Amino acid sequence: MSSVLEVKNLFVNYGVVPALRDVSFHVDEGETVALIGPNGAGKTTTMHTISGLLKPKSGEIEYCGKSIGGTESYKLVSAGISQVPEGRGIFPILTVAENIEIGAFLRKDKAEIKRDKDWVYELFPRLKERMKQISGTLSGGELQMLAMARALMARPKLLLLDEPSMGLAPVIVEDVFHIIRQINKERHTTILLVEQNAQMALTAANRAYIIEVGQIVREGNAKDLMNDSEIQKSYLGL
């Protein structure tokens, strides 16, 4: 199985303060891989570096075998990488339908865009009900769904999800993670999931890496990690 994303020996600083230290991991085609850890561990820093928002001090980031370290975010979208950022990042003054259409702005295949639009409305029926609603008036869960729907409209090869459960009620978190599993299963979309809710992340992932204080400290099959007594005690509250 070929790697869609490879992060090798990544070092990132905030000023003179080390944020990531020798971080290495990979995401293979068709996988969902979770990066979990406590607040301040370096999860979002890792995501921002992959997506071009931060420049690494050293190390390599490869996407489909090509180096993308320091590449501008908009160029990554055209290469097949879509990110759902922490905080969602939708356009609040536009309607739900307009936000979804923006996700396909680089595409020219009108018939396929129509099919994908139908698919995301099937995936997120609440958004279909609110197509004409101004996005800034949506609930937190609906905003998360809209951000995911918009990212999917780019038909990404690699989907980056940054803290999709943040600020959501438990019942909505269940819905969001059910949809994440569905996206991976139906479209075979490769997913890197950065998430503080370790239990939900491990239910959705094939493999996982645990990051603490800017370093990867554990890795393995998601089910094995979920059944590990040390992980249960430290991360799952069991």
Protein backbone atom coordinates (compact mmCIF):
# COMPACT_ATOMS: atom_id res chain seq x y z
CA MET A 1 0.00 0.00 0.00
CA SER A 2 1.44 3.38 -1.02
CA SER A 3 1.75 6.33 1.33
CA VAL A 4 -0.32 9.40 0.53
CA LEU A 5 1.32 11.44 3.29
CA GLU A 6 4.75 11.02 4.89
CA VAL A 7 6.04 13.29 7.63
CA LYS A 8 9.75 12.77 8.32
CA ASN A 9 11.77 14.12 11.23
CA LEU A 10 9.73 17.31 11.49
CA PHE A 11 10.94 20.12 13.73
CA VAL A 12 8.83 23.28 14.17
CA ASN A 13 9.49 26.24 16.46
CA TYR A 14 7.31 29.09 17.70
CA GLY A 15 10.02 31.73 17.82
CA VAL A 16 12.76 30.04 19.85
CA VAL A 17 10.36 27.64 21.58
CA PRO A 18 10.29 24.08 20.13
CA ALA A 19 6.74 23.01 19.22
CA LEU A 20 7.49 19.78 17.33
CA ARG A 21 10.59 17.65 17.80
CA ASP A 22 11.51 14.93 15.32
CA VAL A 23 7.91 14.02 14.45
CA SER A 24 7.56 11.22 11.90
CA PHE A 25 4.45 9.36 10.72
CA HIS A 26 2.72 8.21 7.56
CA VAL A 27 -0.80 7.87 6.19
CA ASP A 28 -1.37 5.18 3.57
CA GLU A 29 -3.89 5.34 0.75
CA GLY A 30 -7.44 4.66 1.93
CA GLU A 31 -6.56 4.81 5.62
CA THR A 32 -7.94 6.93 8.42
CA VAL A 33 -5.08 7.78 10.76
CA ALA A 34 -5.61 9.60 14.05
CA LEU A 35 -3.12 11.88 15.78
CA ILE A 36 -4.22 12.11 19.41
CA GLY A 37 -2.86 13.72 22.54
CA PRO A 38 -3.59 16.30 25.24
CA ASN A 39 -4.03 20.05 24.76
CA GLY A 40 -0.77 21.72 23.75
CA ALA A 41 0.83 18.47 22.62
CA GLY A 42 1.45 19.69 19.06
CA LYS A 43 -1.51 18.20 17.18
CA THR A 44 -2.75 21.39 15.54
CA THR A 45 0.83 22.60 14.97
CA THR A 46 1.41 19.41 13.01
CA MET A 47 -1.73 19.97 10.97
CA HIS A 48 -0.89 23.62 10.28
CA THR A 49 2.60 22.65 9.11
CA ILE A 50 1.25 20.00 6.74
CA SER A 51 -1.30 22.46 5.32
CA GLY A 52 1.30 25.18 4.73
CA LEU A 53 0.20 27.60 7.46
CA LEU A 54 3.47 27.07 9.35
CA LYS A 55 6.96 26.54 7.95
CA PRO A 56 9.08 23.78 9.48
CA LYS A 57 12.51 24.44 10.89
CA SER A 58 13.62 21.14 9.38
CA GLY A 59 12.26 17.82 8.20
CA GLU A 60 10.23 16.71 5.21
CA ILE A 61 6.55 16.47 4.32
CA GLU A 62 5.74 14.39 1.26
CA TYR A 63 2.37 14.04 -0.45
CA CYS A 64 2.14 11.23 -3.02
CA GLY A 65 5.92 11.12 -3.13
CA LYS A 66 6.45 14.85 -3.70
CA SER A 67 7.79 17.34 -1.16
CA ILE A 68 5.17 19.88 -0.03
CA GLY A 69 6.92 21.41 2.99
CA GLY A 70 6.19 25.15 3.06
CA THR A 71 3.84 25.00 0.04
CA GLU A 72 1.06 27.63 0.13
CA SER A 73 -2.31 26.28 1.27
CA TYR A 74 -4.19 27.18 -1.92
CA LYS A 75 -1.73 25.15 -4.01
CA LEU A 76 -2.34 22.12 -1.80
CA VAL A 77 -6.08 22.28 -2.53
CA SER A 78 -5.46 22.02 -6.26
CA ALA A 79 -3.12 19.08 -5.57
CA GLY A 80 -5.89 17.18 -3.81
CA ILE A 81 -5.57 18.11 -0.12
CA SER A 82 -8.57 19.60 1.69
CA GLN A 83 -8.54 20.74 5.30
CA VAL A 84 -11.39 21.23 7.76
CA PRO A 85 -9.70 23.59 10.22
CA GLU A 86 -10.24 23.90 13.94
CA GLY A 87 -12.98 26.53 14.26
CA ARG A 88 -14.51 25.40 10.91
CA GLY A 89 -13.62 28.50 8.83
CA ILE A 90 -16.86 28.81 6.87
CA PHE A 91 -18.09 32.08 5.30
CA PRO A 92 -20.76 33.22 7.80
CA ILE A 93 -22.52 35.74 5.53
CA LEU A 94 -23.07 33.23 2.73
CA THR A 95 -25.81 30.63 2.59
CA VAL A 96 -25.22 26.95 3.21
CA ALA A 97 -25.54 26.24 -0.53
CA GLU A 98 -23.07 29.01 -1.43
CA ASN A 99 -20.47 27.69 1.04
CA ILE A 100 -20.79 24.20 -0.43
CA GLU A 101 -20.44 25.51 -3.98
CA ILE A 102 -17.24 27.37 -3.01
CA GLY A 103 -15.69 23.99 -2.19
CA ALA A 104 -15.76 23.11 -5.89
CA PHE A 105 -14.37 26.43 -7.16
CA LEU A 106 -11.28 24.83 -8.73
CA ARG A 107 -13.29 22.19 -10.58
CA LYS A 108 -14.73 22.41 -14.11
CA ASP A 109 -16.56 19.06 -14.32
CA LYS A 110 -20.12 20.33 -13.90
CA ALA A 111 -21.84 16.96 -14.07
CA GLU A 112 -19.53 15.47 -11.43
CA ILE A 113 -19.91 18.57 -9.25
CA LYS A 114 -23.68 18.05 -9.35
CA ARG A 115 -23.25 14.39 -8.33
CA ASP A 116 -20.94 15.35 -5.47
CA LYS A 117 -23.35 18.04 -4.32
CA ASP A 118 -26.17 15.49 -4.25
CA TRP A 119 -23.89 13.12 -2.31
CA VAL A 120 -22.93 15.65 0.38
CA TYR A 121 -26.59 16.62 0.85
CA GLU A 122 -27.37 12.92 1.25
CA LEU A 123 -24.48 12.63 3.72
CA PHE A 124 -25.62 15.75 5.61
CA PRO A 125 -29.44 15.90 5.33
CA ARG A 126 -29.59 18.78 7.82
CA LEU A 127 -27.63 20.92 5.39
CA LYS A 128 -30.10 20.13 2.62
CA GLU A 129 -32.90 21.36 4.87
CA ARG A 130 -30.94 24.59 5.46
CA MET A 131 -29.61 25.23 1.94
CA LYS A 132 -30.89 28.82 1.85
CA GLN A 133 -30.04 29.63 5.46
CA ILE A 134 -27.23 32.11 6.24
CA SER A 135 -24.36 29.98 7.51
CA GLY A 136 -23.53 32.21 10.46
CA THR A 137 -26.89 31.30 12.03
CA LEU A 138 -26.19 27.53 12.12
CA SER A 139 -25.53 25.56 15.30
CA GLY A 140 -22.02 24.36 16.12
CA GLY A 141 -22.75 20.86 14.86
CA GLU A 142 -24.23 22.16 11.63
CA LEU A 143 -21.19 24.39 11.08
CA GLN A 144 -18.91 21.38 11.48
CA MET A 145 -20.97 19.45 8.95
CA LEU A 146 -20.90 22.39 6.54
CA ALA A 147 -17.12 22.70 6.81
CA MET A 148 -16.75 18.99 6.05
CA ALA A 149 -19.22 19.16 3.16
CA ARG A 150 -17.39 22.11 1.63
CA ALA A 151 -14.03 20.31 1.89
CA LEU A 152 -15.48 17.20 0.25
CA MET A 153 -16.69 19.23 -2.72
CA ALA A 154 -13.04 19.58 -3.77
CA ARG A 155 -13.03 15.77 -4.09
CA PRO A 156 -9.81 15.47 -2.06
CA LYS A 157 -7.38 12.58 -2.17
CA LEU A 158 -6.35 13.53 1.39
CA LEU A 159 -8.78 15.04 3.92
CA LEU A 160 -7.29 16.80 6.97
CA LEU A 161 -9.68 17.03 9.93
CA ASP A 162 -8.56 19.27 12.80
CA GLU A 163 -10.47 18.68 16.06
CA PRO A 164 -13.87 17.92 14.48
CA SER A 165 -15.48 17.26 17.88
CA MET A 166 -14.45 20.56 19.47
CA GLY A 167 -17.33 22.36 21.19
CA LEU A 168 -19.97 19.85 20.12
CA ALA A 169 -22.56 18.07 22.24
CA PRO A 170 -21.88 14.31 22.66
CA VAL A 171 -24.82 13.27 20.44
CA ILE A 172 -23.53 15.53 17.63
CA VAL A 173 -20.00 14.16 18.08
CA GLU A 174 -21.40 10.67 17.47
CA ASP A 175 -23.05 11.90 14.26
CA VAL A 176 -19.87 13.59 13.02
CA PHE A 177 -17.71 10.53 13.59
CA HIS A 178 -20.28 8.26 11.96
CA ILE A 179 -20.02 10.49 8.89
CA ILE A 180 -16.20 10.40 9.00
CA ARG A 181 -16.33 6.60 8.88
CA GLN A 182 -18.87 6.77 6.07
CA ILE A 183 -16.70 9.12 3.99
CA ASN A 184 -13.75 6.77 4.30
CA LYS A 185 -15.84 3.69 3.49
CA GLU A 186 -17.89 5.08 0.59
CA ARG A 187 -15.28 7.22 -1.15
CA HIS A 188 -12.10 5.53 0.13
CA THR A 189 -10.91 9.03 1.03
CA THR A 190 -7.61 9.04 2.91
CA ILE A 191 -8.06 10.90 6.21
CA LEU A 192 -5.69 12.39 8.77
CA LEU A 193 -7.68 13.09 11.91
CA VAL A 194 -6.29 15.33 14.66
CA GLU A 195 -8.45 14.95 17.72
CA GLN A 196 -8.41 15.41 21.50
CA ASN A 197 -11.34 13.03 21.99
CA ALA A 198 -9.17 9.92 21.87
CA GLN A 199 -12.00 7.42 22.24
CA MET A 200 -13.97 8.73 19.26
CA ALA A 201 -10.82 9.11 17.17
CA LEU A 202 -9.78 5.51 17.80
CA THR A 203 -13.23 4.22 16.80
CA ALA A 204 -12.88 5.94 13.42
CA ALA A 205 -9.20 5.24 12.69
CA ASN A 206 -7.28 2.29 11.30
CA ARG A 207 -4.08 3.39 13.00
CA ALA A 208 -3.12 6.10 15.48
CA TYR A 209 -0.15 8.05 16.75
CA ILE A 210 0.02 9.61 20.22
CA ILE A 211 1.82 12.91 20.56
CA GLU A 212 2.98 14.48 23.81
CA VAL A 213 5.01 17.68 24.24
CA GLY A 214 5.78 17.83 20.53
CA GLN A 215 6.96 14.23 20.16
CA ILE A 216 5.37 10.97 18.97
CA VAL A 217 5.40 8.64 21.99
CA ARG A 218 3.24 5.71 20.80
CA GLU A 219 1.84 4.33 17.57
CA GLY A 220 -0.15 1.31 16.54
CA ASN A 221 -3.37 -0.26 15.33
CA ALA A 222 -6.31 1.78 16.65
CA LYS A 223 -8.11 -1.23 18.14
CA ASP A 224 -4.95 -2.40 19.88
CA LEU A 225 -4.41 1.05 21.38
CA MET A 226 -8.02 1.22 22.52
CA ASN A 227 -7.60 -2.09 24.37
CA ASP A 228 -4.25 -1.11 25.92
CA SER A 229 -4.67 -0.57 29.68
CA GLU A 230 -2.13 2.27 29.78
CA ILE A 231 -3.90 4.11 26.95
CA GLN A 232 -7.29 3.48 28.59
CA LYS A 233 -6.05 5.02 31.83
CA SER A 234 -4.21 7.99 30.29
CA TYR A 235 -6.50 8.93 27.39
CA LEU A 236 -9.84 7.13 27.55
CA GLY A 237 -10.82 7.72 31.16
CA LEU A 238 -11.37 3.99 31.75
